[in-house]
Protein backbone atom coordinates (compact mmCIF):
# COMPACT_ATOMS: atom_id res chain seq x y z
CA MET A 1 -10.75 -32.92 52.95
CA LYS A 2 -11.31 -33.12 56.66
CA LEU A 3 -8.97 -31.80 59.30
CA LEU A 4 -8.17 -35.20 60.83
CA ASP A 5 -7.27 -36.54 57.38
CA LEU A 6 -4.23 -34.26 57.55
CA THR A 7 -2.69 -35.77 60.68
CA ASP A 8 -2.21 -38.90 62.72
CA LYS A 9 -2.86 -36.88 65.86
CA THR A 10 -5.93 -37.54 67.95
CA ILE A 11 -8.44 -34.91 69.02
CA ALA A 12 -7.01 -35.12 72.54
CA GLN A 13 -3.51 -34.39 71.23
CA LEU A 14 -4.78 -31.42 69.21
CA VAL A 15 -6.62 -30.08 72.27
CA ARG A 16 -3.41 -30.27 74.32
CA GLU A 17 -1.23 -28.75 71.62
CA THR A 18 -3.59 -25.94 70.60
CA GLY A 19 -5.33 -25.07 73.84
CA ILE A 20 -8.61 -25.01 71.89
CA SER A 21 -11.56 -26.58 73.66
CA ARG A 22 -12.54 -30.10 72.66
CA SER A 23 -16.04 -28.97 71.68
CA THR A 24 -14.70 -26.27 69.36
CA LEU A 25 -12.23 -28.66 67.72
CA VAL A 26 -14.92 -31.32 67.28
CA ASP A 27 -17.21 -28.74 65.65
CA ILE A 28 -14.45 -27.79 63.21
CA ILE A 29 -13.53 -31.42 62.51
CA LYS A 30 -17.15 -32.50 61.96
CA GLY A 31 -17.83 -29.51 59.76
CA ASN A 32 -20.37 -27.96 62.13
CA THR A 33 -18.05 -24.95 62.05
CA GLU A 34 -16.20 -24.42 58.79
CA PHE A 35 -12.48 -23.89 59.15
CA LYS A 36 -12.76 -20.63 57.21
CA SER A 37 -15.30 -19.40 59.80
CA THR A 38 -13.13 -20.08 62.83
CA SER A 39 -11.13 -17.29 64.43
CA VAL A 40 -7.74 -16.43 63.03
CA GLU A 41 -6.25 -17.28 66.42
CA ASN A 42 -7.70 -20.80 66.38
CA GLY A 43 -6.75 -21.26 62.73
CA MET A 44 -3.16 -20.34 63.54
CA LYS A 45 -3.07 -22.70 66.53
CA ILE A 46 -4.39 -25.59 64.44
CA SER A 47 -2.01 -24.93 61.56
CA GLU A 48 0.96 -24.73 63.95
CA ALA A 49 -0.02 -28.04 65.58
CA LEU A 50 -0.09 -29.61 62.11
CA ASN A 51 3.23 -27.98 61.11
CA LEU A 52 1.56 -26.08 58.26
CA THR A 53 1.10 -22.43 57.46
CA ILE A 54 -2.49 -21.28 57.74
CA GLU A 55 -2.51 -20.84 53.95
CA GLU A 56 -1.32 -24.44 53.39
CA LEU A 57 -3.95 -25.76 55.79
CA TYR A 58 -6.74 -23.76 54.14
CA ASN A 59 -5.67 -24.95 50.69
CA LYS A 60 -5.52 -28.59 51.79
CA ILE A 61 -9.00 -28.39 53.30
CA TYR A 62 -10.69 -26.52 50.45
CA LYS A 63 -8.69 -27.46 47.35
CA GLU A 64 -10.47 -30.82 47.05
CA GLN A 65 -13.86 -29.16 47.39
CA LEU A 66 -12.99 -26.60 44.72
CA LEU A 67 -11.85 -29.30 42.31
CA LEU A 68 -15.05 -31.28 42.85
CA ASN A 69 -17.15 -28.20 42.07
CA ILE A 70 -15.48 -27.53 38.71
CA LYS A 71 -17.76 -28.65 35.92
CA PRO A 72 -16.38 -29.62 32.51
CA LEU A 73 -17.25 -27.35 29.59
């Protein structure tokens, strides 16, 4: 799941609400920088802007990927 799939907010709104630079947010959104590789500070800012805990945000982003990687026996 991609970050923008979790919100109706635009990149500009997220930049204003988080104080994270547009280029950094775009890198995270496009997957050039994985969310799990971003700083804790930026992760917290993003999760707060989306009204989620950092754990909820991480799970929403990576849960789909984990389920797709599970192979049947």
